[in-house]
Amino acid sequence: MFADWLQQQAHPAGELVAIQLERLVHDSDELAKREDELYWEQVLPHMKAVLARDHVTELEWRRGLLHSVTLHHHGGEEVLEDTLRRLASDPCGRLVRRIEIDAVEFDGAGDLGPAMRELAALAFPRLRELAVREGMNLGNPWIGGPIHIGSVVPLYAAYPKLEVLELGGKDYELGELAVPALRKLVLSDMTPTDIATISRAPLYELAELELYFGRWRVDGIDAVFRPLFDRAMPKLAQLSISAGVPQVMQYLTRVVPGAALSRHVRVLAFPRGALDDDSVRSLVQWGSRLRGLDRLELEGVGLSADQQRRLHEAFGRILVLR
């Protein structure tokens, strides 16, 4: 019905929707070729015209509907909230399931706060996933510092069924993180306040948690992290956690494997954070418990040959060095 309606409106995605659905039942090389032609020759040019942007835009259709839109945004060259409004004005764009914003603060411009407020106001009915990431960093003096995301609190009421939230930036406000349907949470530079927020948030469905603790100075590391690590999350299957401060990294490798938070985890990762000899020793001492995992992922950069040997002896096939 949606495909028929789109074709009645002369929308170029109408035939694409019909073909994608037909391929689910009766696939063929001819249908695959026609789908490819429609996407590159009609649908993609149409959507770029709707969005009125010269920046890189990536679109993905699944089962006849627009699954994801990736907007590569360079601050100062585009009013992102206008782009989001144009996306919502298109019948296919209105039904997007995932929005990714790959942002760069350029020459002091790049505040995403207005875009977050507009995203909440638009209330895309199918939106379940939002990812905001920091884009390229060329070391250019005209490119500013970390992107500013601002408050994401208005999104909670607008998207009560949000399942994925990924925030890559240093300036964001989580508030009370009232998103009970969340399955995946990624914070690329969390603060002590964020840790406290996660420890008390209603995250009953959380299956993937990825946290990076930057170079924040903390007095009493255990007091900061313990409320989170003492929390049980029965559905948490993947935990990725690391830190930029060596002392914090040592603490994580010593405490996380035995924490209540990790009790049901099948994939445990300590990425990005450098592992010193104390960290390696702690992980090896947890060998009997960690060998029950499906996978243990570690940062391999900086590990000596002896450290790698000890890790491989302790964990064998489950060990993955990045």
C-alpha atoms as a PDB file:
ATOM      1  CA  MET A   1       0.000   0.000   0.000  1.00  0.00           C
ATOM      2  CA  PHE A   2       2.814   2.373   0.831  1.00  0.00           C
ATOM      3  CA  ALA A   3       4.533   1.609  -2.486  1.00  0.00           C
ATOM      4  CA  ASP A   4       1.277   2.209  -4.382  1.00  0.00           C
ATOM      5  CA  TRP A   5       0.730   5.499  -2.577  1.00  0.00           C
ATOM      6  CA  LEU A   6       4.289   6.665  -3.292  1.00  0.00           C
ATOM      7  CA  GLN A   7       3.861   5.888  -6.996  1.00  0.00           C
ATOM      8  CA  GLN A   8       0.566   7.792  -7.056  1.00  0.00           C
ATOM      9  CA  GLN A   9       2.502  10.753  -5.651  1.00  0.00           C
ATOM     10  CA  ALA A  10       5.188  10.278  -8.353  1.00  0.00           C
ATOM     11  CA  HIS A  11       7.772   9.629  -5.640  1.00  0.00           C
ATOM     12  CA  PRO A  12      10.804   7.833  -7.127  1.00  0.00           C
ATOM     13  CA  ALA A  13      11.020   5.477  -4.140  1.00  0.00           C
ATOM     14  CA  GLY A  14       7.650   3.901  -4.952  1.00  0.00           C
ATOM     15  CA  GLU A  15       9.047   1.349  -7.371  1.00  0.00           C
ATOM     16  CA  LEU A  16      12.068   0.773  -5.127  1.00  0.00           C
ATOM     17  CA  VAL A  17       9.787  -0.196  -2.234  1.00  0.00           C
ATOM     18  CA  ALA A  18       7.815  -2.584  -4.446  1.00  0.00           C
ATOM     19  CA  ILE A  19      10.955  -4.229  -5.814  1.00  0.00           C
ATOM     20  CA  GLN A  20      12.558  -4.687  -2.406  1.00  0.00           C
ATOM     21  CA  LEU A  21       9.416  -6.411  -1.156  1.00  0.00           C
ATOM     22  CA  GLU A  22       9.218  -8.577  -4.277  1.00  0.00           C
ATOM     23  CA  ARG A  23      12.827  -9.659  -3.792  1.00  0.00           C
ATOM     24  CA  LEU A  24      11.919 -11.020  -0.368  1.00  0.00           C
ATOM     25  CA  VAL A  25       9.575 -13.496  -2.070  1.00  0.00           C
ATOM     26  CA  HIS A  26      10.836 -14.000  -5.631  1.00  0.00           C
ATOM     27  CA  ASP A  27      14.387 -12.739  -5.993  1.00  0.00           C
ATOM     28  CA  SER A  28      16.217 -12.566  -9.321  1.00  0.00           C
ATOM     29  CA  ASP A  29      19.225 -10.933 -10.958  1.00  0.00           C
ATOM     30  CA  GLU A  30      16.877  -8.702 -12.959  1.00  0.00           C
ATOM     31  CA  LEU A  31      15.181  -7.378  -9.826  1.00  0.00           C
ATOM     32  CA  ALA A  32      18.559  -6.798  -8.130  1.00  0.00           C
ATOM     33  CA  LYS A  33      19.789  -4.865 -11.158  1.00  0.00           C
ATOM     34  CA  ARG A  34      16.631  -2.778 -11.314  1.00  0.00           C
ATOM     35  CA  GLU A  35      16.832  -1.992  -7.580  1.00  0.00           C
ATOM     36  CA  ASP A  36      20.415  -0.827  -7.992  1.00  0.00           C
ATOM     37  CA  GLU A  37      19.471   1.398 -10.937  1.00  0.00           C
ATOM     38  CA  LEU A  38      16.535   2.933  -9.109  1.00  0.00           C
ATOM     39  CA  TYR A  39      18.568   3.726  -6.031  1.00  0.00           C
ATOM     40  CA  TRP A  40      21.549   5.369  -7.743  1.00  0.00           C
ATOM     41  CA  GLU A  41      19.716   7.067 -10.628  1.00  0.00           C
ATOM     42  CA  GLN A  42      16.480   8.201  -9.005  1.00  0.00           C
ATOM     43  CA  VAL A  43      16.089   7.726  -5.261  1.00  0.00           C
ATOM     44  CA  LEU A  44      19.477   8.981  -4.060  1.00  0.00           C
ATOM     45  CA  PRO A  45      19.399  12.128  -6.266  1.00  0.00           C
ATOM     46  CA  HIS A  46      15.840  12.798  -5.102  1.00  0.00           C
ATOM     47  CA  MET A  47      16.724  12.502  -1.405  1.00  0.00           C
ATOM     48  CA  LYS A  48      19.802  14.704  -1.816  1.00  0.00           C
ATOM     49  CA  ALA A  49      17.612  17.307  -3.501  1.00  0.00           C
ATOM     50  CA  VAL A  50      15.119  17.081  -0.631  1.00  0.00           C
ATOM     51  CA  LEU A  51      17.874  17.529   1.922  1.00  0.00           C
ATOM     52  CA  ALA A  52      19.438  20.355  -0.139  1.00  0.00           C
ATOM     53  CA  ARG A  53      22.963  19.488   0.922  1.00  0.00           C
ATOM     54  CA  ASP A  54      26.240  18.985  -0.913  1.00  0.00           C
ATOM     55  CA  HIS A  55      27.779  17.081   2.010  1.00  0.00           C
ATOM     56  CA  VAL A  56      28.227  13.349   2.008  1.00  0.00           C
ATOM     57  CA  THR A  57      24.889  11.669   2.701  1.00  0.00           C
ATOM     58  CA  GLU A  58      24.503   7.921   3.104  1.00  0.00           C
ATOM     59  CA  LEU A  59      21.091   6.234   2.855  1.00  0.00           C
ATOM     60  CA  GLU A  60      20.119   2.633   3.496  1.00  0.00           C
ATOM     61  CA  TRP A  61      16.795   1.042   2.561  1.00  0.00           C
ATOM     62  CA  ARG A  62      15.636  -2.212   4.166  1.00  0.00           C
ATOM     63  CA  ARG A  63      12.475  -4.143   3.337  1.00  0.00           C
ATOM     64  CA  GLY A  64      11.041  -1.203   1.461  1.00  0.00           C
ATOM     65  CA  LEU A  65      11.589   1.459   4.114  1.00  0.00           C
ATOM     66  CA  LEU A  66      14.364   3.954   4.757  1.00  0.00           C
ATOM     67  CA  HIS A  67      16.393   2.293   7.496  1.00  0.00           C
ATOM     68  CA  SER A  68      19.176   4.809   8.114  1.00  0.00           C
ATOM     69  CA  VAL A  69      20.451   8.236   7.147  1.00  0.00           C
ATOM     70  CA  THR A  70      24.043   9.275   7.822  1.00  0.00           C
ATOM     71  CA  LEU A  71      24.718  13.010   7.698  1.00  0.00           C
ATOM     72  CA  HIS A  72      28.360  14.102   7.553  1.00  0.00           C
ATOM     73  CA  HIS A  73      28.095  17.560   9.071  1.00  0.00           C
ATOM     74  CA  HIS A  74      30.767  20.272   9.039  1.00  0.00           C
ATOM     75  CA  GLY A  75      29.847  23.022  11.461  1.00  0.00           C
ATOM     76  CA  GLY A  76      29.451  26.447   9.909  1.00  0.00           C
ATOM     77  CA  GLU A  77      28.553  25.131   6.447  1.00  0.00           C
ATOM     78  CA  GLU A  78      25.063  23.873   7.213  1.00  0.00           C
ATOM     79  CA  VAL A  79      22.132  24.569   9.531  1.00  0.00           C
ATOM     80  CA  LEU A  80      21.554  20.993  10.594  1.00  0.00           C
ATOM     81  CA  GLU A  81      18.129  21.589  12.100  1.00  0.00           C
ATOM     82  CA  ASP A  82      16.923  22.762   8.663  1.00  0.00           C
ATOM     83  CA  THR A  83      18.265  19.542   7.156  1.00  0.00           C
ATOM     84  CA  LEU A  84      16.340  17.482   9.714  1.00  0.00           C
ATOM     85  CA  ARG A  85      13.144  19.381   8.933  1.00  0.00           C
ATOM     86  CA  ARG A  86      13.580  18.672   5.235  1.00  0.00           C
ATOM     87  CA  LEU A  87      14.157  14.998   6.003  1.00  0.00           C
ATOM     88  CA  ALA A  88      10.890  14.896   7.938  1.00  0.00           C
ATOM     89  CA  SER A  89       9.039  16.563   5.054  1.00  0.00           C
ATOM     90  CA  ASP A  90       9.642  13.559   2.765  1.00  0.00           C
ATOM     91  CA  PRO A  91       7.308  10.544   3.247  1.00  0.00           C
ATOM     92  CA  CYS A  92      10.247   8.135   3.150  1.00  0.00           C
ATOM     93  CA  GLY A  93      12.499  10.333   5.266  1.00  0.00           C
ATOM     94  CA  ARG A  94       9.731  10.680   7.828  1.00  0.00           C
ATOM     95  CA  LEU A  95       9.864   6.916   8.427  1.00  0.00           C
ATOM     96  CA  VAL A  96      13.625   6.639   8.993  1.00  0.00           C
ATOM     97  CA  ARG A  97      14.639   4.215  11.745  1.00  0.00           C
ATOM     98  CA  ARG A  98      18.246   5.321  12.408  1.00  0.00           C
ATOM     99  CA  ILE A  99      19.900   8.736  12.165  1.00  0.00           C
ATOM    100  CA  GLU A 100      23.678   9.079  12.321  1.00  0.00           C
ATOM    101  CA  ILE A 101      25.368  12.476  12.558  1.00  0.00           C
ATOM    102  CA  ASP A 102      29.104  12.470  11.878  1.00  0.00           C
ATOM    103  CA  ALA A 103      30.042  15.970  13.007  1.00  0.00           C
ATOM    104  CA  VAL A 104      33.031  18.282  12.969  1.00  0.00           C
ATOM    105  CA  GLU A 105      33.258  21.617  14.742  1.00  0.00           C
ATOM    106  CA  PHE A 106      34.685  23.954  12.117  1.00  0.00           C
ATOM    107  CA  ASP A 107      36.190  27.342  12.931  1.00  0.00           C
ATOM    108  CA  GLY A 108      34.259  27.585  16.189  1.00  0.00           C
ATOM    109  CA  ALA A 109      30.898  26.623  14.667  1.00  0.00           C
ATOM    110  CA  GLY A 110      29.283  23.251  15.173  1.00  0.00           C
ATOM    111  CA  ASP A 111      27.001  23.389  18.198  1.00  0.00           C
ATOM    112  CA  LEU A 112      24.518  20.514  17.802  1.00  0.00           C
ATOM    113  CA  GLY A 113      22.226  21.696  20.609  1.00  0.00           C
ATOM    114  CA  PRO A 114      19.663  23.295  18.235  1.00  0.00           C
ATOM    115  CA  ALA A 115      19.669  20.147  16.088  1.00  0.00           C
ATOM    116  CA  MET A 116      18.960  17.946  19.140  1.00  0.00           C
ATOM    117  CA  ARG A 117      16.042  20.191  20.121  1.00  0.00           C
ATOM    118  CA  GLU A 118      14.670  20.112  16.572  1.00  0.00           C
ATOM    119  CA  LEU A 119      15.036  16.337  16.423  1.00  0.00           C
ATOM    120  CA  ALA A 120      12.924  16.076  19.563  1.00  0.00           C
ATOM    121  CA  ALA A 121      10.297  18.430  18.154  1.00  0.00           C
ATOM    122  CA  LEU A 122      10.016  16.493  14.879  1.00  0.00           C
ATOM    123  CA  ALA A 123       9.303  13.165  16.653  1.00  0.00           C
ATOM    124  CA  PHE A 124      10.040  10.822  13.733  1.00  0.00           C
ATOM    125  CA  PRO A 125       7.516   7.991  14.358  1.00  0.00           C
ATOM    126  CA  ARG A 126       9.859   5.049  13.569  1.00  0.00           C
ATOM    127  CA  LEU A 127      13.132   6.445  14.912  1.00  0.00           C
ATOM    128  CA  ARG A 128      14.730   3.888  17.216  1.00  0.00           C
ATOM    129  CA  GLU A 129      18.460   4.606  16.867  1.00  0.00           C
ATOM    130  CA  LEU A 130      20.494   7.817  17.169  1.00  0.00           C
ATOM    131  CA  ALA A 131      24.271   8.020  16.824  1.00  0.00           C
ATOM    132  CA  VAL A 132      26.300  11.228  17.074  1.00  0.00           C
ATOM    133  CA  ARG A 133      29.997  10.849  16.377  1.00  0.00           C
ATOM    134  CA  GLU A 134      32.998  13.114  16.079  1.00  0.00           C
ATOM    135  CA  GLY A 135      34.213  13.197  12.505  1.00  0.00           C
ATOM    136  CA  MET A 136      37.639  13.845  11.089  1.00  0.00           C
ATOM    137  CA  ASN A 137      40.285  15.673  13.088  1.00  0.00           C
ATOM    138  CA  LEU A 138      42.938  16.977  10.736  1.00  0.00           C
ATOM    139  CA  GLY A 139      44.824  19.040  13.282  1.00  0.00           C
ATOM    140  CA  ASN A 140      43.801  22.080  11.259  1.00  0.00           C
ATOM    141  CA  PRO A 141      43.900  25.335  13.303  1.00  0.00           C
ATOM    142  CA  TRP A 142      40.609  26.384  11.671  1.00  0.00           C
ATOM    143  CA  ILE A 143      38.861  23.253  12.910  1.00  0.00           C
ATOM    144  CA  GLY A 144      37.635  23.645  16.465  1.00  0.00           C
ATOM    145  CA  GLY A 145      37.700  21.276  19.387  1.00  0.00           C
ATOM    146  CA  PRO A 146      35.266  18.516  20.354  1.00  0.00           C
ATOM    147  CA  ILE A 147      31.739  18.816  19.042  1.00  0.00           C
ATOM    148  CA  HIS A 148      29.099  20.203  21.389  1.00  0.00           C
ATOM    149  CA  ILE A 149      26.020  18.000  21.563  1.00  0.00           C
ATOM    150  CA  GLY A 150      24.206  19.762  24.367  1.00  0.00           C
ATOM    151  CA  SER A 151      21.254  18.309  26.249  1.00  0.00           C
ATOM    152  CA  VAL A 152      19.673  15.114  24.915  1.00  0.00           C
ATOM    153  CA  VAL A 153      16.979  15.147  27.613  1.00  0.00           C
ATOM    154  CA  PRO A 154      14.208  16.405  25.240  1.00  0.00           C
ATOM    155  CA  LEU A 155      14.721  13.260  23.148  1.00  0.00           C
ATOM    156  CA  TYR A 156      13.490  10.977  25.929  1.00  0.00           C
ATOM    157  CA  ALA A 157       9.871  12.121  25.799  1.00  0.00           C
ATOM    158  CA  ALA A 158       9.908  12.377  22.003  1.00  0.00           C
ATOM    159  CA  TYR A 159      11.326   8.855  21.523  1.00  0.00           C
ATOM    160  CA  PRO A 160      10.221   6.663  24.453  1.00  0.00           C
ATOM    161  CA  LYS A 161      10.999   3.549  22.364  1.00  0.00           C
ATOM    162  CA  LEU A 162      14.567   4.597  21.528  1.00  0.00           C
ATOM    163  CA  GLU A 163      16.732   1.458  21.432  1.00  0.00           C
ATOM    164  CA  VAL A 164      20.207   2.768  20.553  1.00  0.00           C
ATOM    165  CA  LEU A 165      21.924   5.941  21.769  1.00  0.00           C
ATOM    166  CA  GLU A 166      25.545   6.650  20.828  1.00  0.00           C
ATOM    167  CA  LEU A 167      27.167   9.935  21.849  1.00  0.00           C
ATOM    168  CA  GLY A 168      30.676  10.832  20.712  1.00  0.00           C
ATOM    169  CA  GLY A 169      31.664  14.200  22.095  1.00  0.00           C
ATOM    170  CA  LYS A 170      32.731  15.862  25.324  1.00  0.00           C
ATOM    171  CA  ASP A 171      29.893  18.314  25.839  1.00  0.00           C
ATOM    172  CA  TYR A 172      26.552  16.580  26.331  1.00  0.00           C
ATOM    173  CA  GLU A 173      23.974  16.377  29.110  1.00  0.00           C
ATOM    174  CA  LEU A 174      22.273  13.049  29.835  1.00  0.00           C
ATOM    175  CA  GLY A 175      19.948  14.280  32.558  1.00  0.00           C
ATOM    176  CA  GLU A 176      18.208  11.291  34.160  1.00  0.00           C
ATOM    177  CA  LEU A 177      18.463   9.008  31.072  1.00  0.00           C
ATOM    178  CA  ALA A 178      14.802   8.013  31.064  1.00  0.00           C
ATOM    179  CA  VAL A 179      14.922   5.593  28.114  1.00  0.00           C
ATOM    180  CA  PRO A 180      13.713   2.202  29.429  1.00  0.00           C
ATOM    181  CA  ALA A 181      13.687   0.524  25.982  1.00  0.00           C
ATOM    182  CA  LEU A 182      17.393   1.204  25.390  1.00  0.00           C
ATOM    183  CA  ARG A 183      19.295  -1.870  24.152  1.00  0.00           C
ATOM    184  CA  LYS A 184      22.617  -0.188  23.359  1.00  0.00           C
ATOM    185  CA  LEU A 185      24.338   2.773  25.002  1.00  0.00           C
ATOM    186  CA  VAL A 186      27.675   4.195  23.844  1.00  0.00           C
ATOM    187  CA  LEU A 187      29.387   7.123  25.570  1.00  0.00           C
ATOM    188  CA  SER A 188      32.721   7.974  23.983  1.00  0.00           C
ATOM    189  CA  ASP A 189      33.908  10.322  26.718  1.00  0.00           C
ATOM    190  CA  MET A 190      31.916   9.811  29.881  1.00  0.00           C
ATOM    191  CA  THR A 191      32.306  11.829  33.065  1.00  0.00           C
ATOM    192  CA  PRO A 192      31.937  10.889  36.741  1.00  0.00           C
ATOM    193  CA  THR A 193      28.427  12.360  36.565  1.00  0.00           C
ATOM    194  CA  ASP A 194      27.568  10.045  33.661  1.00  0.00           C
ATOM    195  CA  ILE A 195      28.672   7.028  35.689  1.00  0.00           C
ATOM    196  CA  ALA A 196      26.285   7.995  38.485  1.00  0.00           C
ATOM    197  CA  THR A 197      23.505   8.511  35.936  1.00  0.00           C
ATOM    198  CA  ILE A 198      23.922   5.061  34.385  1.00  0.00           C
ATOM    199  CA  SER A 199      24.081   3.412  37.806  1.00  0.00           C
ATOM    200  CA  ARG A 200      20.522   4.572  38.617  1.00  0.00           C
ATOM    201  CA  ALA A 201      18.863   4.798  35.176  1.00  0.00           C
ATOM    202  CA  PRO A 202      15.982   2.408  34.275  1.00  0.00           C
ATOM    203  CA  LEU A 203      17.980   0.380  31.740  1.00  0.00           C
ATOM    204  CA  TYR A 204      16.075  -2.891  31.969  1.00  0.00           C
ATOM    205  CA  GLU A 205      16.616  -3.931  28.334  1.00  0.00           C
ATOM    206  CA  LEU A 206      20.266  -2.910  27.976  1.00  0.00           C
ATOM    207  CA  ALA A 207      22.259  -5.563  26.103  1.00  0.00           C
ATOM    208  CA  GLU A 208      25.315  -3.549  24.968  1.00  0.00           C
ATOM    209  CA  LEU A 209      27.195  -0.964  27.017  1.00  0.00           C
ATOM    210  CA  GLU A 210      30.272   0.827  25.679  1.00  0.00           C
ATOM    211  CA  LEU A 211      31.968   3.391  27.900  1.00  0.00           C
ATOM    212  CA  TYR A 212      35.200   5.343  27.605  1.00  0.00           C
ATOM    213  CA  PHE A 213      36.392   7.364  30.599  1.00  0.00           C
ATOM    214  CA  GLY A 214      38.736  10.074  29.365  1.00  0.00           C
ATOM    215  CA  ARG A 215      41.370  11.955  31.294  1.00  0.00           C
ATOM    216  CA  TRP A 216      39.126  13.143  34.087  1.00  0.00           C
ATOM    217  CA  ARG A 217      40.886  13.453  37.413  1.00  0.00           C
ATOM    218  CA  VAL A 218      39.076  11.491  40.106  1.00  0.00           C
ATOM    219  CA  ASP A 219      39.780  11.234  43.809  1.00  0.00           C
ATOM    220  CA  GLY A 220      38.593   7.863  45.027  1.00  0.00           C
ATOM    221  CA  ILE A 221      38.231   5.818  41.844  1.00  0.00           C
ATOM    222  CA  ASP A 222      36.301   3.032  43.555  1.00  0.00           C
ATOM    223  CA  ALA A 223      33.784   5.466  45.039  1.00  0.00           C
ATOM    224  CA  VAL A 224      33.056   6.805  41.552  1.00  0.00           C
ATOM    225  CA  PHE A 225      32.676   3.473  39.751  1.00  0.00           C
ATOM    226  CA  ARG A 226      31.373   1.149  42.486  1.00  0.00           C
ATOM    227  CA  PRO A 227      27.651   2.112  42.224  1.00  0.00           C
ATOM    228  CA  LEU A 228      27.728   1.138  38.543  1.00  0.00           C
ATOM    229  CA  PHE A 229      29.723  -2.049  38.985  1.00  0.00           C
ATOM    230  CA  ASP A 230      27.492  -3.224  41.844  1.00  0.00           C
ATOM    231  CA  ARG A 231      24.428  -2.945  39.642  1.00  0.00           C
ATOM    232  CA  ALA A 232      23.012  -6.141  38.128  1.00  0.00           C
ATOM    233  CA  MET A 233      21.898  -5.994  34.490  1.00  0.00           C
ATOM    234  CA  PRO A 234      20.579  -9.466  33.571  1.00  0.00           C
ATOM    235  CA  LYS A 235      20.304  -8.687  29.836  1.00  0.00           C
ATOM    236  CA  LEU A 236      23.754  -7.108  29.473  1.00  0.00           C
ATOM    237  CA  ALA A 237      25.654  -9.379  27.056  1.00  0.00           C
ATOM    238  CA  GLN A 238      28.395  -7.044  25.784  1.00  0.00           C
ATOM    239  CA  LEU A 239      30.431  -4.700  27.957  1.00  0.00           C
ATOM    240  CA  SER A 240      33.195  -2.483  26.602  1.00  0.00           C
ATOM    241  CA  ILE A 241      34.925  -0.192  29.081  1.00  0.00           C
ATOM    242  CA  SER A 242      38.255   1.606  29.143  1.00  0.00           C
ATOM    243  CA  ALA A 243      39.959   4.762  30.354  1.00  0.00           C
ATOM    244  CA  GLY A 244      42.623   7.220  29.314  1.00  0.00           C
ATOM    245  CA  VAL A 245      44.203   7.380  32.780  1.00  0.00           C
ATOM    246  CA  PRO A 246      46.540   4.449  33.570  1.00  0.00           C
ATOM    247  CA  GLN A 247      45.463   4.253  37.213  1.00  0.00           C
ATOM    248  CA  VAL A 248      41.809   4.020  36.200  1.00  0.00           C
ATOM    249  CA  MET A 249      42.649   1.359  33.610  1.00  0.00           C
ATOM    250  CA  GLN A 250      44.415  -0.675  36.281  1.00  0.00           C
ATOM    251  CA  TYR A 251      41.331  -0.384  38.478  1.00  0.00           C
ATOM    252  CA  LEU A 252      38.990  -1.481  35.680  1.00  0.00           C
ATOM    253  CA  THR A 253      40.947  -4.613  34.823  1.00  0.00           C
ATOM    254  CA  ARG A 254      41.136  -5.503  38.504  1.00  0.00           C
ATOM    255  CA  VAL A 255      37.442  -4.965  39.367  1.00  0.00           C
ATOM    256  CA  VAL A 256      35.248  -5.350  36.265  1.00  0.00           C
ATOM    257  CA  PRO A 257      35.673  -9.124  35.721  1.00  0.00           C
ATOM    258  CA  GLY A 258      34.210  -9.868  39.164  1.00  0.00           C
ATOM    259  CA  ALA A 259      31.589  -7.103  39.234  1.00  0.00           C
ATOM    260  CA  ALA A 260      27.858  -7.741  39.405  1.00  0.00           C
ATOM    261  CA  LEU A 261      27.532  -5.672  36.234  1.00  0.00           C
ATOM    262  CA  SER A 262      29.567  -8.289  34.326  1.00  0.00           C
ATOM    263  CA  ARG A 263      27.795 -11.377  35.656  1.00  0.00           C
ATOM    264  CA  HIS A 264      25.839 -12.147  32.465  1.00  0.00           C
ATOM    265  CA  VAL A 265      28.298 -10.655  29.963  1.00  0.00           C
ATOM    266  CA  ARG A 266      29.411 -12.872  27.070  1.00  0.00           C
ATOM    267  CA  VAL A 267      31.737 -10.373  25.368  1.00  0.00           C
ATOM    268  CA  LEU A 268      34.037  -8.238  27.512  1.00  0.00           C
ATOM    269  CA  ALA A 269      36.295  -5.594  25.966  1.00  0.00           C
ATOM    270  CA  PHE A 270      38.911  -3.164  27.253  1.00  0.00           C
ATOM    271  CA  PRO A 271      39.579  -1.123  24.077  1.00  0.00           C
ATOM    272  CA  ARG A 272      41.555   2.102  23.611  1.00  0.00           C
ATOM    273  CA  GLY A 273      43.009   2.107  27.123  1.00  0.00           C
ATOM    274  CA  ALA A 274      46.656   1.049  27.282  1.00  0.00           C
ATOM    275  CA  LEU A 275      47.349  -2.073  29.316  1.00  0.00           C
ATOM    276  CA  ASP A 276      50.437  -2.043  31.543  1.00  0.00           C
ATOM    277  CA  ASP A 277      51.933  -5.010  33.356  1.00  0.00           C
ATOM    278  CA  ASP A 278      49.655  -4.554  36.369  1.00  0.00           C
ATOM    279  CA  SER A 279      46.587  -4.690  34.112  1.00  0.00           C
ATOM    280  CA  VAL A 280      47.822  -7.791  32.324  1.00  0.00           C
ATOM    281  CA  ARG A 281      48.540  -9.478  35.660  1.00  0.00           C
ATOM    282  CA  SER A 282      45.041  -8.680  36.921  1.00  0.00           C
ATOM    283  CA  LEU A 283      43.389 -10.118  33.819  1.00  0.00           C
ATOM    284  CA  VAL A 284      45.468 -13.309  33.980  1.00  0.00           C
ATOM    285  CA  GLN A 285      44.492 -13.745  37.634  1.00  0.00           C
ATOM    286  CA  TRP A 286      40.839 -13.619  36.542  1.00  0.00           C
ATOM    287  CA  GLY A 287      41.555 -16.354  33.989  1.00  0.00           C
ATOM    288  CA  SER A 288      39.267 -19.049  35.414  1.00  0.00           C
ATOM    289  CA  ARG A 289      36.281 -16.698  35.325  1.00  0.00           C
ATOM    290  CA  LEU A 290      37.033 -14.961  32.036  1.00  0.00           C
ATOM    291  CA  ARG A 291      37.618 -18.185  30.106  1.00  0.00           C
ATOM    292  CA  GLY A 292      33.858 -18.712  30.257  1.00  0.00           C
ATOM    293  CA  LEU A 293      33.352 -15.735  27.931  1.00  0.00           C
ATOM    294  CA  ASP A 294      32.663 -16.002  24.228  1.00  0.00           C
ATOM    295  CA  ARG A 295      35.235 -13.279  23.552  1.00  0.00           C
ATOM    296  CA  LEU A 296      37.717 -11.108  25.431  1.00  0.00           C
ATOM    297  CA  GLU A 297      38.867  -8.067  23.441  1.00  0.00           C
ATOM    298  CA  LEU A 298      41.938  -6.083  24.479  1.00  0.00           C
ATOM    299  CA  GLU A 299      43.970  -3.184  23.132  1.00  0.00           C
ATOM    300  CA  GLY A 300      47.102  -4.775  21.699  1.00  0.00           C
ATOM    301  CA  VAL A 301      49.069  -1.600  21.013  1.00  0.00           C
ATOM    302  CA  GLY A 302      51.961  -1.280  23.429  1.00  0.00           C
ATOM    303  CA  LEU A 303      51.847  -4.846  24.702  1.00  0.00           C
ATOM    304  CA  SER A 304      55.219  -6.559  24.834  1.00  0.00           C
ATOM    305  CA  ALA A 305      55.778  -9.991  23.338  1.00  0.00           C
ATOM    306  CA  ASP A 306      55.891 -11.456  26.843  1.00  0.00           C
ATOM    307  CA  GLN A 307      52.601  -9.815  27.824  1.00  0.00           C
ATOM    308  CA  GLN A 308      50.924 -11.089  24.676  1.00  0.00           C
ATOM    309  CA  ARG A 309      52.243 -14.585  25.343  1.00  0.00           C
ATOM    310  CA  ARG A 310      50.851 -14.588  28.887  1.00  0.00           C
ATOM    311  CA  LEU A 311      47.472 -13.411  27.680  1.00  0.00           C
ATOM    312  CA  HIS A 312      47.293 -16.023  24.918  1.00  0.00           C
ATOM    313  CA  GLU A 313      48.263 -18.757  27.382  1.00  0.00           C
ATOM    314  CA  ALA A 314      45.579 -17.611  29.808  1.00  0.00           C
ATOM    315  CA  PHE A 315      42.715 -17.112  27.364  1.00  0.00           C
ATOM    316  CA  GLY A 316      43.472 -18.989  24.165  1.00  0.00           C
ATOM    317  CA  ARG A 317      40.824 -18.832  21.462  1.00  0.00           C
ATOM    318  CA  ILE A 318      38.572 -16.279  23.193  1.00  0.00           C
ATOM    319  CA  LEU A 319      41.288 -13.593  23.147  1.00  0.00           C
ATOM    320  CA  VAL A 320      41.160 -10.876  20.475  1.00  0.00           C
ATOM    321  CA  LEU A 321      43.910  -8.250  20.412  1.00  0.00           C
ATOM    322  CA  ARG A 322      42.908  -5.103  18.566  1.00  0.00           C
END
